[in-house]
Amino acid sequence: MNRDEALALMHEYTESDALRKHMYAVEAALRAYARKFGEDEETWGIVGILHDFDYERYPNDAHSPTEEHPSFGVALLRDRGIPEPMLDAILGHASYTGVPRTSRMAKTLFAVDELCGFLTACALVRPSKSLGDLEVKSVKKKLKDKAFARGVNRDEVRQGAEELGVPFEEHVQFVIEALRPIEDRLGLGGG
């Protein structure tokens, strides 16, 4: 599956503009890490586009390890010939599936998923509504405020950096920089 096919599938299953923007953000962060690690940027980007494509239709509030998101989407992707390492990464980003994150791609997806949503929320409350002037210290301060972006799992944000083996502040800065070039697509920066 190429990027255009992945986007078509994501758009077919996801009507929410906010959820689409989240998948674009995760794609950008994964592509940046793929470049950093010398991995296949296209493969990692497709994982970012597809990791939540089934979430809107099959949200899995019960956190079933085998039903709904992400299991439904992975079954569909498997039928379309998506390689198992990509599927394992998508399954592993939801801790409740019990699928271990053993590959660098899986660890990176987990590390950037919640963080991307949190960074977008941080940017939206800034006067600039931009990632351009967002600093790590501001992100760390917002993480301590449990009322802010309460849907973001703070433990997973920190656990992701730990599993990836990257110092937390460095990880946050890296993802901020990865998202800055696409902030217009994310509805940030006044774009």
N, C-alpha and C. Protein backbone atom coordinates (compact mmCIF):
# COMPACT_ATOMS: atom_id res chain seq x y z
N MET A 1 0.84 -1.18 0.00
CA MET A 1 0.00 0.00 0.00
C MET A 1 0.89 1.24 0.00
N ASN A 2 0.59 2.15 -0.90
CA ASN A 2 1.36 3.39 -0.92
C ASN A 2 0.63 4.47 -0.12
N ARG A 3 1.24 5.66 -0.02
CA ARG A 3 0.66 6.72 0.80
C ARG A 3 -0.71 7.14 0.30
N ASP A 4 -0.89 7.27 -1.01
CA ASP A 4 -2.18 7.68 -1.55
C ASP A 4 -3.27 6.68 -1.19
N GLU A 5 -2.95 5.39 -1.26
CA GLU A 5 -3.92 4.36 -0.90
C GLU A 5 -4.23 4.40 0.60
N ALA A 6 -3.20 4.64 1.40
CA ALA A 6 -3.40 4.74 2.85
C ALA A 6 -4.28 5.94 3.18
N LEU A 7 -4.02 7.07 2.52
CA LEU A 7 -4.85 8.25 2.75
C LEU A 7 -6.29 8.01 2.34
N ALA A 8 -6.49 7.34 1.20
CA ALA A 8 -7.85 7.06 0.74
C ALA A 8 -8.60 6.20 1.76
N LEU A 9 -7.93 5.20 2.30
CA LEU A 9 -8.54 4.33 3.30
C LEU A 9 -8.84 5.12 4.58
N MET A 10 -7.90 5.92 5.01
CA MET A 10 -8.10 6.73 6.21
C MET A 10 -9.29 7.67 6.02
N HIS A 11 -9.39 8.31 4.87
CA HIS A 11 -10.49 9.24 4.61
C HIS A 11 -11.83 8.50 4.48
N GLU A 12 -11.79 7.28 3.96
CA GLU A 12 -13.02 6.48 3.84
C GLU A 12 -13.60 6.16 5.22
N TYR A 13 -12.75 5.89 6.18
CA TYR A 13 -13.19 5.46 7.50
C TYR A 13 -13.27 6.60 8.52
N THR A 14 -12.66 7.74 8.24
CA THR A 14 -12.57 8.82 9.23
C THR A 14 -13.14 10.11 8.66
N GLU A 15 -14.25 10.55 9.24
CA GLU A 15 -14.84 11.83 8.83
C GLU A 15 -14.34 12.99 9.68
N SER A 16 -13.96 12.71 10.91
CA SER A 16 -13.55 13.75 11.84
C SER A 16 -12.27 14.45 11.37
N ASP A 17 -12.39 15.76 11.20
CA ASP A 17 -11.23 16.55 10.79
C ASP A 17 -10.13 16.49 11.85
N ALA A 18 -10.53 16.53 13.13
CA ALA A 18 -9.54 16.49 14.21
C ALA A 18 -8.78 15.17 14.21
N LEU A 19 -9.47 14.06 14.00
CA LEU A 19 -8.81 12.76 13.99
C LEU A 19 -7.91 12.62 12.76
N ARG A 20 -8.35 13.14 11.63
CA ARG A 20 -7.49 13.13 10.43
C ARG A 20 -6.21 13.93 10.70
N LYS A 21 -6.36 15.09 11.32
CA LYS A 21 -5.19 15.92 11.63
C LYS A 21 -4.25 15.20 12.58
N HIS A 22 -4.82 14.46 13.53
CA HIS A 22 -3.98 13.69 14.44
C HIS A 22 -3.14 12.67 13.66
N MET A 23 -3.76 11.99 12.72
CA MET A 23 -3.01 10.99 11.95
C MET A 23 -1.95 11.65 11.06
N TYR A 24 -2.22 12.84 10.54
CA TYR A 24 -1.19 13.57 9.79
C TYR A 24 -0.02 13.92 10.70
N ALA A 25 -0.32 14.33 11.92
CA ALA A 25 0.74 14.69 12.88
C ALA A 25 1.60 13.47 13.20
N VAL A 26 0.95 12.35 13.50
CA VAL A 26 1.69 11.13 13.82
C VAL A 26 2.52 10.69 12.61
N GLU A 27 1.96 10.84 11.41
CA GLU A 27 2.73 10.51 10.21
C GLU A 27 4.00 11.36 10.13
N ALA A 28 3.87 12.66 10.36
CA ALA A 28 5.02 13.56 10.27
C ALA A 28 6.08 13.20 11.30
N ALA A 29 5.64 12.92 12.53
CA ALA A 29 6.59 12.56 13.59
C ALA A 29 7.29 11.24 13.27
N LEU A 30 6.54 10.27 12.77
CA LEU A 30 7.15 8.98 12.42
C LEU A 30 8.13 9.13 11.26
N ARG A 31 7.77 9.92 10.26
CA ARG A 31 8.68 10.13 9.14
C ARG A 31 9.99 10.78 9.61
N ALA A 32 9.87 11.74 10.51
CA ALA A 32 11.07 12.41 11.03
C ALA A 32 11.96 11.43 11.79
N TYR A 33 11.35 10.60 12.62
CA TYR A 33 12.14 9.60 13.35
C TYR A 33 12.71 8.55 12.38
N ALA A 34 11.98 8.17 11.36
CA ALA A 34 12.52 7.22 10.38
C ALA A 34 13.79 7.78 9.73
N ARG A 35 13.75 9.07 9.38
CA ARG A 35 14.95 9.71 8.82
C ARG A 35 16.10 9.68 9.83
N LYS A 36 15.79 10.01 11.06
CA LYS A 36 16.81 10.04 12.11
C LYS A 36 17.44 8.67 12.32
N PHE A 37 16.61 7.63 12.29
CA PHE A 37 17.09 6.28 12.56
C PHE A 37 17.56 5.53 11.32
N GLY A 38 17.45 6.16 10.14
CA GLY A 38 17.85 5.49 8.90
C GLY A 38 16.89 4.37 8.50
N GLU A 39 15.61 4.54 8.83
CA GLU A 39 14.58 3.55 8.49
C GLU A 39 13.80 4.02 7.26
N ASP A 40 12.89 3.17 6.80
CA ASP A 40 12.10 3.47 5.61
C ASP A 40 10.99 4.48 5.94
N GLU A 41 11.18 5.69 5.49
CA GLU A 41 10.27 6.78 5.80
C GLU A 41 8.86 6.53 5.29
N GLU A 42 8.74 5.95 4.11
CA GLU A 42 7.42 5.70 3.52
C GLU A 42 6.63 4.71 4.38
N THR A 43 7.28 3.62 4.78
CA THR A 43 6.62 2.60 5.60
C THR A 43 6.18 3.20 6.92
N TRP A 44 7.07 3.91 7.57
CA TRP A 44 6.73 4.50 8.86
C TRP A 44 5.61 5.52 8.71
N GLY A 45 5.64 6.31 7.66
CA GLY A 45 4.59 7.30 7.42
C GLY A 45 3.23 6.66 7.22
N ILE A 46 3.19 5.56 6.50
CA ILE A 46 1.93 4.85 6.28
C ILE A 46 1.38 4.32 7.60
N VAL A 47 2.24 3.83 8.46
CA VAL A 47 1.80 3.39 9.79
C VAL A 47 1.16 4.56 10.53
N GLY A 48 1.76 5.73 10.43
CA GLY A 48 1.18 6.92 11.08
C GLY A 48 -0.19 7.27 10.54
N ILE A 49 -0.35 7.19 9.23
CA ILE A 49 -1.63 7.51 8.61
C ILE A 49 -2.71 6.51 9.02
N LEU A 50 -2.33 5.26 9.17
CA LEU A 50 -3.31 4.20 9.38
C LEU A 50 -3.53 3.79 10.83
N HIS A 51 -2.71 4.27 11.76
CA HIS A 51 -2.78 3.71 13.12
C HIS A 51 -4.14 3.90 13.80
N ASP A 52 -4.87 4.94 13.46
CA ASP A 52 -6.18 5.20 14.07
C ASP A 52 -7.31 5.26 13.04
N PHE A 53 -7.10 4.73 11.84
CA PHE A 53 -8.11 4.93 10.79
C PHE A 53 -9.46 4.30 11.15
N ASP A 54 -9.47 3.27 12.00
CA ASP A 54 -10.71 2.59 12.37
C ASP A 54 -11.31 3.13 13.67
N TYR A 55 -10.66 4.08 14.31
CA TYR A 55 -11.05 4.53 15.64
C TYR A 55 -12.46 5.16 15.67
N GLU A 56 -12.78 5.96 14.68
CA GLU A 56 -14.06 6.66 14.68
C GLU A 56 -15.24 5.67 14.60
N ARG A 57 -15.13 4.66 13.78
CA ARG A 57 -16.21 3.68 13.63
C ARG A 57 -16.21 2.62 14.73
N TYR A 58 -15.03 2.29 15.24
CA TYR A 58 -14.89 1.20 16.22
C TYR A 58 -14.04 1.68 17.40
N PRO A 59 -14.56 2.61 18.21
CA PRO A 59 -13.73 3.28 19.21
C PRO A 59 -13.19 2.42 20.36
N ASN A 60 -13.83 1.32 20.68
CA ASN A 60 -13.33 0.37 21.69
C ASN A 60 -13.25 0.97 23.09
N ASP A 61 -14.34 1.50 23.55
CA ASP A 61 -14.39 2.06 24.91
C ASP A 61 -14.12 1.01 25.98
N ALA A 62 -14.41 -0.25 25.67
CA ALA A 62 -14.18 -1.33 26.62
C ALA A 62 -12.73 -1.80 26.65
N HIS A 63 -11.91 -1.29 25.72
CA HIS A 63 -10.50 -1.68 25.61
C HIS A 63 -10.34 -3.19 25.41
N SER A 64 -11.15 -3.73 24.54
CA SER A 64 -11.03 -5.15 24.19
C SER A 64 -9.73 -5.36 23.44
N PRO A 65 -8.96 -6.39 23.80
CA PRO A 65 -7.70 -6.64 23.09
C PRO A 65 -7.90 -7.24 21.70
N THR A 66 -9.12 -7.71 21.39
CA THR A 66 -9.31 -8.40 20.11
C THR A 66 -10.46 -7.86 19.27
N GLU A 67 -11.25 -6.93 19.79
CA GLU A 67 -12.39 -6.38 19.06
C GLU A 67 -12.20 -4.88 18.86
N GLU A 68 -12.85 -4.34 17.87
CA GLU A 68 -12.86 -2.92 17.58
C GLU A 68 -11.43 -2.37 17.36
N HIS A 69 -11.22 -1.07 17.67
CA HIS A 69 -9.92 -0.43 17.43
C HIS A 69 -8.86 -0.95 18.39
N PRO A 70 -7.65 -1.25 17.91
CA PRO A 70 -7.17 -1.26 16.53
C PRO A 70 -7.31 -2.62 15.84
N SER A 71 -7.89 -3.60 16.53
CA SER A 71 -7.96 -4.95 15.98
C SER A 71 -8.77 -5.03 14.69
N PHE A 72 -9.88 -4.30 14.64
CA PHE A 72 -10.68 -4.31 13.41
C PHE A 72 -9.83 -3.82 12.23
N GLY A 73 -9.19 -2.67 12.42
CA GLY A 73 -8.38 -2.09 11.35
C GLY A 73 -7.23 -2.98 10.94
N VAL A 74 -6.59 -3.60 11.91
CA VAL A 74 -5.46 -4.49 11.60
C VAL A 74 -5.93 -5.69 10.78
N ALA A 75 -7.09 -6.25 11.12
CA ALA A 75 -7.63 -7.38 10.34
C ALA A 75 -7.87 -6.96 8.89
N LEU A 76 -8.44 -5.77 8.71
CA LEU A 76 -8.69 -5.27 7.35
C LEU A 76 -7.36 -5.04 6.61
N LEU A 77 -6.39 -4.46 7.29
CA LEU A 77 -5.09 -4.21 6.67
C LEU A 77 -4.37 -5.52 6.35
N ARG A 78 -4.50 -6.50 7.21
CA ARG A 78 -3.88 -7.81 6.96
C ARG A 78 -4.46 -8.41 5.67
N ASP A 79 -5.78 -8.30 5.52
CA ASP A 79 -6.43 -8.80 4.31
C ASP A 79 -5.94 -8.08 3.06
N ARG A 80 -5.46 -6.86 3.22
CA ARG A 80 -4.95 -6.08 2.09
C ARG A 80 -3.45 -6.24 1.90
N GLY A 81 -2.86 -7.15 2.66
CA GLY A 81 -1.45 -7.49 2.45
C GLY A 81 -0.43 -6.63 3.15
N ILE A 82 -0.86 -5.86 4.15
CA ILE A 82 0.09 -5.02 4.90
C ILE A 82 1.01 -5.94 5.69
N PRO A 83 2.32 -5.72 5.66
CA PRO A 83 3.27 -6.58 6.36
C PRO A 83 3.06 -6.60 7.88
N GLU A 84 3.33 -7.75 8.47
CA GLU A 84 3.12 -7.95 9.91
C GLU A 84 3.85 -6.94 10.79
N PRO A 85 5.09 -6.54 10.49
CA PRO A 85 5.73 -5.55 11.38
C PRO A 85 4.93 -4.24 11.49
N MET A 86 4.30 -3.84 10.39
CA MET A 86 3.47 -2.64 10.42
C MET A 86 2.23 -2.88 11.27
N LEU A 87 1.64 -4.06 11.13
CA LEU A 87 0.44 -4.40 11.89
C LEU A 87 0.75 -4.51 13.38
N ASP A 88 1.90 -5.11 13.69
CA ASP A 88 2.30 -5.21 15.10
C ASP A 88 2.49 -3.83 15.73
N ALA A 89 3.05 -2.90 14.96
CA ALA A 89 3.22 -1.54 15.48
C ALA A 89 1.87 -0.91 15.77
N ILE A 90 0.92 -1.08 14.85
CA ILE A 90 -0.42 -0.50 15.05
C ILE A 90 -1.10 -1.15 16.25
N LEU A 91 -1.02 -2.46 16.37
CA LEU A 91 -1.61 -3.13 17.53
C LEU A 91 -0.94 -2.67 18.83
N GLY A 92 0.38 -2.56 18.81
CA GLY A 92 1.14 -2.22 20.01
C GLY A 92 0.94 -0.80 20.50
N HIS A 93 0.44 0.09 19.64
CA HIS A 93 0.25 1.48 20.12
C HIS A 93 -0.90 1.56 21.12
N ALA A 94 -1.75 0.54 21.14
CA ALA A 94 -2.82 0.46 22.13
C ALA A 94 -2.39 -0.58 23.17
N SER A 95 -1.95 -0.12 24.30
CA SER A 95 -1.39 -1.02 25.31
C SER A 95 -2.33 -2.16 25.68
N TYR A 96 -3.63 -1.89 25.64
CA TYR A 96 -4.61 -2.91 26.05
C TYR A 96 -4.65 -4.12 25.13
N THR A 97 -4.03 -4.06 23.95
CA THR A 97 -4.02 -5.23 23.07
C THR A 97 -3.08 -6.31 23.60
N GLY A 98 -2.12 -5.89 24.43
CA GLY A 98 -1.15 -6.85 24.95
C GLY A 98 -0.05 -7.20 23.96
N VAL A 99 -0.04 -6.56 22.80
CA VAL A 99 0.99 -6.82 21.80
C VAL A 99 2.25 -6.05 22.20
N PRO A 100 3.35 -6.75 22.41
CA PRO A 100 4.57 -6.06 22.84
C PRO A 100 5.14 -5.19 21.73
N ARG A 101 5.71 -4.08 22.14
CA ARG A 101 6.37 -3.17 21.19
C ARG A 101 7.84 -3.58 21.13
N THR A 102 8.16 -4.43 20.16
CA THR A 102 9.53 -4.95 20.07
C THR A 102 10.35 -4.25 18.99
N SER A 103 9.70 -3.73 17.98
CA SER A 103 10.44 -3.08 16.90
C SER A 103 10.61 -1.59 17.20
N ARG A 104 11.59 -1.00 16.56
CA ARG A 104 11.80 0.45 16.72
C ARG A 104 10.59 1.22 16.20
N MET A 105 9.98 0.73 15.11
CA MET A 105 8.80 1.39 14.56
C MET A 105 7.65 1.36 15.58
N ALA A 106 7.43 0.22 16.22
CA ALA A 106 6.35 0.10 17.20
C ALA A 106 6.60 1.01 18.40
N LYS A 107 7.82 1.04 18.87
CA LYS A 107 8.16 1.90 20.02
C LYS A 107 7.99 3.37 19.65
N THR A 108 8.34 3.71 18.44
CA THR A 108 8.25 5.11 18.01
C THR A 108 6.80 5.53 17.86
N LEU A 109 5.97 4.67 17.27
CA LEU A 109 4.55 5.00 17.14
C LEU A 109 3.95 5.26 18.52
N PHE A 110 4.22 4.38 19.46
CA PHE A 110 3.72 4.56 20.82
C PHE A 110 4.24 5.87 21.42
N ALA A 111 5.50 6.18 21.17
CA ALA A 111 6.12 7.36 21.76
C ALA A 111 5.56 8.67 21.21
N VAL A 112 5.14 8.68 19.96
CA VAL A 112 4.68 9.94 19.36
C VAL A 112 3.17 10.11 19.38
N ASP A 113 2.42 9.03 19.54
CA ASP A 113 0.96 9.08 19.40
C ASP A 113 0.32 10.07 20.38
N GLU A 114 0.42 9.82 21.65
CA GLU A 114 -0.19 10.71 22.65
C GLU A 114 0.49 12.09 22.64
N LEU A 115 1.80 12.09 22.43
CA LEU A 115 2.54 13.36 22.43
C LEU A 115 2.06 14.29 21.33
N CYS A 116 1.81 13.76 20.15
CA CYS A 116 1.33 14.61 19.04
C CYS A 116 0.03 15.32 19.42
N GLY A 117 -0.89 14.58 20.01
CA GLY A 117 -2.14 15.20 20.43
C GLY A 117 -1.92 16.26 21.49
N PHE A 118 -1.02 15.98 22.41
CA PHE A 118 -0.75 16.94 23.48
C PHE A 118 -0.09 18.21 22.94
N LEU A 119 0.85 18.04 22.03
CA LEU A 119 1.53 19.21 21.45
C LEU A 119 0.57 20.09 20.67
N THR A 120 -0.35 19.46 19.96
CA THR A 120 -1.36 20.23 19.23
C THR A 120 -2.21 21.03 20.20
N ALA A 121 -2.62 20.39 21.30
CA ALA A 121 -3.41 21.10 22.32
C ALA A 121 -2.61 22.26 22.91
N CYS A 122 -1.34 22.04 23.17
CA CYS A 122 -0.49 23.11 23.71
C CYS A 122 -0.41 24.29 22.76
N ALA A 123 -0.26 24.00 21.47
CA ALA A 123 -0.16 25.08 20.49
C ALA A 123 -1.47 25.85 20.38
N LEU A 124 -2.58 25.14 20.45
CA LEU A 124 -3.88 25.80 20.28
C LEU A 124 -4.20 26.81 21.37
N VAL A 125 -3.63 26.67 22.56
CA VAL A 125 -3.92 27.63 23.63
C VAL A 125 -2.90 28.77 23.69
N ARG A 126 -1.92 28.74 22.81
CA ARG A 126 -0.95 29.83 22.77
C ARG A 126 -1.54 31.01 22.00
N PRO A 127 -1.14 32.23 22.31
CA PRO A 127 -1.64 33.38 21.53
C PRO A 127 -1.37 33.23 20.03
N SER A 128 -0.23 32.63 19.70
CA SER A 128 0.14 32.45 18.29
C SER A 128 -0.59 31.28 17.64
N LYS A 129 -1.16 30.40 18.47
CA LYS A 129 -1.77 29.15 17.99
C LYS A 129 -0.79 28.37 17.11
N SER A 130 0.48 28.44 17.48
CA SER A 130 1.54 27.90 16.64
C SER A 130 2.50 27.02 17.44
N LEU A 131 3.12 26.10 16.72
CA LEU A 131 4.22 25.32 17.28
C LEU A 131 5.53 26.08 17.17
N GLY A 132 5.52 27.15 16.38
CA GLY A 132 6.74 27.91 16.11
C GLY A 132 7.40 28.48 17.35
N ASP A 133 6.59 28.84 18.35
CA ASP A 133 7.15 29.41 19.58
C ASP A 133 6.89 28.51 20.79
N LEU A 134 6.49 27.27 20.54
CA LEU A 134 6.25 26.33 21.64
C LEU A 134 7.58 25.77 22.13
N GLU A 135 7.80 25.84 23.43
CA GLU A 135 9.05 25.36 24.01
C GLU A 135 8.78 24.17 24.92
N VAL A 136 9.80 23.35 25.09
CA VAL A 136 9.70 22.15 25.91
C VAL A 136 9.26 22.49 27.33
N LYS A 137 9.78 23.57 27.89
CA LYS A 137 9.42 23.91 29.27
C LYS A 137 7.92 24.18 29.39
N SER A 138 7.33 24.77 28.37
CA SER A 138 5.88 25.02 28.39
C SER A 138 5.11 23.71 28.33
N VAL A 139 5.60 22.78 27.52
CA VAL A 139 4.95 21.47 27.41
C VAL A 139 5.01 20.75 28.75
N LYS A 140 6.17 20.77 29.38
CA LYS A 140 6.32 20.10 30.68
C LYS A 140 5.38 20.72 31.73
N LYS A 141 5.24 22.03 31.68
CA LYS A 141 4.34 22.71 32.63
C LYS A 141 2.89 22.28 32.38
N LYS A 142 2.49 22.20 31.12
CA LYS A 142 1.12 21.78 30.78
C LYS A 142 0.87 20.32 31.16
N LEU A 143 1.91 19.49 31.06
CA LEU A 143 1.76 18.09 31.44
C LEU A 143 1.39 17.94 32.92
N LYS A 144 1.86 18.85 33.74
CA LYS A 144 1.58 18.81 35.17
C LYS A 144 0.15 19.24 35.49
N ASP A 145 -0.48 19.97 34.57
CA ASP A 145 -1.84 20.46 34.75
C ASP A 145 -2.81 19.37 34.28
N LYS A 146 -3.33 18.60 35.22
CA LYS A 146 -4.19 17.46 34.89
C LYS A 146 -5.51 17.87 34.23
N ALA A 147 -5.92 19.11 34.42
CA ALA A 147 -7.17 19.57 33.81
C ALA A 147 -6.98 19.92 32.32
N PHE A 148 -5.74 20.15 31.93
CA PHE A 148 -5.46 20.51 30.53
C PHE A 148 -5.36 19.25 29.69
N ALA A 149 -6.09 19.21 28.57
CA ALA A 149 -6.05 18.08 27.65
C ALA A 149 -6.14 16.77 28.43
N ARG A 150 -7.18 16.67 29.24
CA ARG A 150 -7.28 15.54 30.17
C ARG A 150 -7.40 14.19 29.49
N GLY A 151 -7.71 14.16 28.21
CA GLY A 151 -7.79 12.90 27.48
C GLY A 151 -6.44 12.29 27.15
N VAL A 152 -5.38 13.07 27.32
CA VAL A 152 -4.03 12.59 27.01
C VAL A 152 -3.47 11.84 28.22
N ASN A 153 -3.01 10.64 27.98
CA ASN A 153 -2.44 9.81 29.04
C ASN A 153 -0.99 10.24 29.29
N ARG A 154 -0.78 10.96 30.38
CA ARG A 154 0.55 11.48 30.71
C ARG A 154 1.56 10.37 30.95
N ASP A 155 1.11 9.27 31.57
CA ASP A 155 2.02 8.15 31.81
C ASP A 155 2.54 7.59 30.49
N GLU A 156 1.66 7.49 29.50
CA GLU A 156 2.09 6.96 28.20
C GLU A 156 3.00 7.94 27.46
N VAL A 157 2.79 9.23 27.67
CA VAL A 157 3.69 10.22 27.04
C VAL A 157 5.12 10.00 27.55
N ARG A 158 5.26 9.83 28.85
CA ARG A 158 6.59 9.62 29.43
C ARG A 158 7.12 8.22 29.12
N GLN A 159 6.27 7.21 29.22
CA GLN A 159 6.66 5.84 28.94
C GLN A 159 7.16 5.69 27.50
N GLY A 160 6.53 6.40 26.58
CA GLY A 160 6.94 6.33 25.18
C GLY A 160 8.38 6.76 24.98
N ALA A 161 8.76 7.87 25.59
CA ALA A 161 10.15 8.34 25.47
C ALA A 161 11.10 7.33 26.11
N GLU A 162 10.70 6.78 27.26
CA GLU A 162 11.55 5.79 27.94
C GLU A 162 11.75 4.55 27.07
N GLU A 163 10.66 4.01 26.51
CA GLU A 163 10.77 2.82 25.66
C GLU A 163 11.62 3.09 24.43
N LEU A 164 11.53 4.30 23.92
CA LEU A 164 12.30 4.67 22.74
C LEU A 164 13.77 4.88 23.09
N GLY A 165 14.05 5.12 24.37
CA GLY A 165 15.42 5.33 24.81
C GLY A 165 15.94 6.72 24.50
N VAL A 166 15.02 7.68 24.46
CA VAL A 166 15.38 9.07 24.16
C VAL A 166 15.03 9.91 25.39
N PRO A 167 15.94 10.78 25.84
CA PRO A 167 15.60 11.66 26.96
C PRO A 167 14.31 12.42 26.67
N PHE A 168 13.47 12.55 27.68
CA PHE A 168 12.14 13.13 27.50
C PHE A 168 12.17 14.49 26.81
N GLU A 169 12.99 15.41 27.31
CA GLU A 169 13.03 16.76 26.74
C GLU A 169 13.46 16.73 25.27
N GLU A 170 14.43 15.88 24.97
CA GLU A 170 14.91 15.74 23.59
C GLU A 170 13.80 15.20 22.69
N HIS A 171 13.06 14.24 23.18
CA HIS A 171 11.95 13.66 22.43
C HIS A 171 10.88 14.70 22.13
N VAL A 172 10.50 15.47 23.15
CA VAL A 172 9.47 16.50 22.96
C VAL A 172 9.95 17.52 21.93
N GLN A 173 11.19 17.97 22.06
CA GLN A 173 11.73 18.96 21.11
C GLN A 173 11.75 18.39 19.69
N PHE A 174 12.16 17.14 19.55
CA PHE A 174 12.23 16.51 18.24
C PHE A 174 10.85 16.47 17.58
N VAL A 175 9.83 16.09 18.34
CA VAL A 175 8.48 15.99 17.77
C VAL A 175 7.93 17.38 17.46
N ILE A 176 8.18 18.36 18.30
CA ILE A 176 7.77 19.74 17.98
C ILE A 176 8.35 20.14 16.63
N GLU A 177 9.63 19.91 16.45
CA GLU A 177 10.30 20.29 15.20
C GLU A 177 9.77 19.49 14.02
N ALA A 178 9.39 18.25 14.24
CA ALA A 178 8.84 17.42 13.16
C ALA A 178 7.47 17.94 12.70
N LEU A 179 6.71 18.51 13.63
CA LEU A 179 5.37 18.98 13.31
C LEU A 179 5.33 20.40 12.75
N ARG A 180 6.34 21.19 13.04
CA ARG A 180 6.32 22.59 12.60
C ARG A 180 6.09 22.75 11.09
N PRO A 181 6.75 21.97 10.24
CA PRO A 181 6.54 22.18 8.79
C PRO A 181 5.12 21.89 8.31
N ILE A 182 4.33 21.15 9.08
CA ILE A 182 2.97 20.83 8.63
C ILE A 182 1.91 21.49 9.51
N GLU A 183 2.28 22.51 10.28
CA GLU A 183 1.31 23.07 11.20
C GLU A 183 0.10 23.66 10.49
N ASP A 184 0.22 24.15 9.27
CA ASP A 184 -0.95 24.63 8.53
C ASP A 184 -1.95 23.48 8.32
N ARG A 185 -1.43 22.31 7.93
CA ARG A 185 -2.29 21.14 7.71
C ARG A 185 -2.97 20.72 9.02
N LEU A 186 -2.32 21.01 10.15
CA LEU A 186 -2.87 20.64 11.45
C LEU A 186 -3.83 21.71 11.99
N GLY A 187 -4.02 22.80 11.24
CA GLY A 187 -4.90 23.87 11.68
C GLY A 187 -4.27 24.78 12.70
N LEU A 188 -2.94 24.83 12.70
CA LEU A 188 -2.21 25.65 13.66
C LEU A 188 -1.55 26.83 12.95
N GLY A 189 -1.02 27.73 13.74
CA GLY A 189 -0.28 28.87 13.19
C GLY A 189 -1.15 29.86 12.46
N GLY A 190 -2.44 29.82 12.74
CA GLY A 190 -3.34 30.76 12.05
C GLY A 190 -3.67 30.32 10.64
N GLY A 191 -3.14 29.13 10.25
CA GLY A 191 -3.38 28.65 8.88
C GLY A 191 -4.71 27.97 8.73
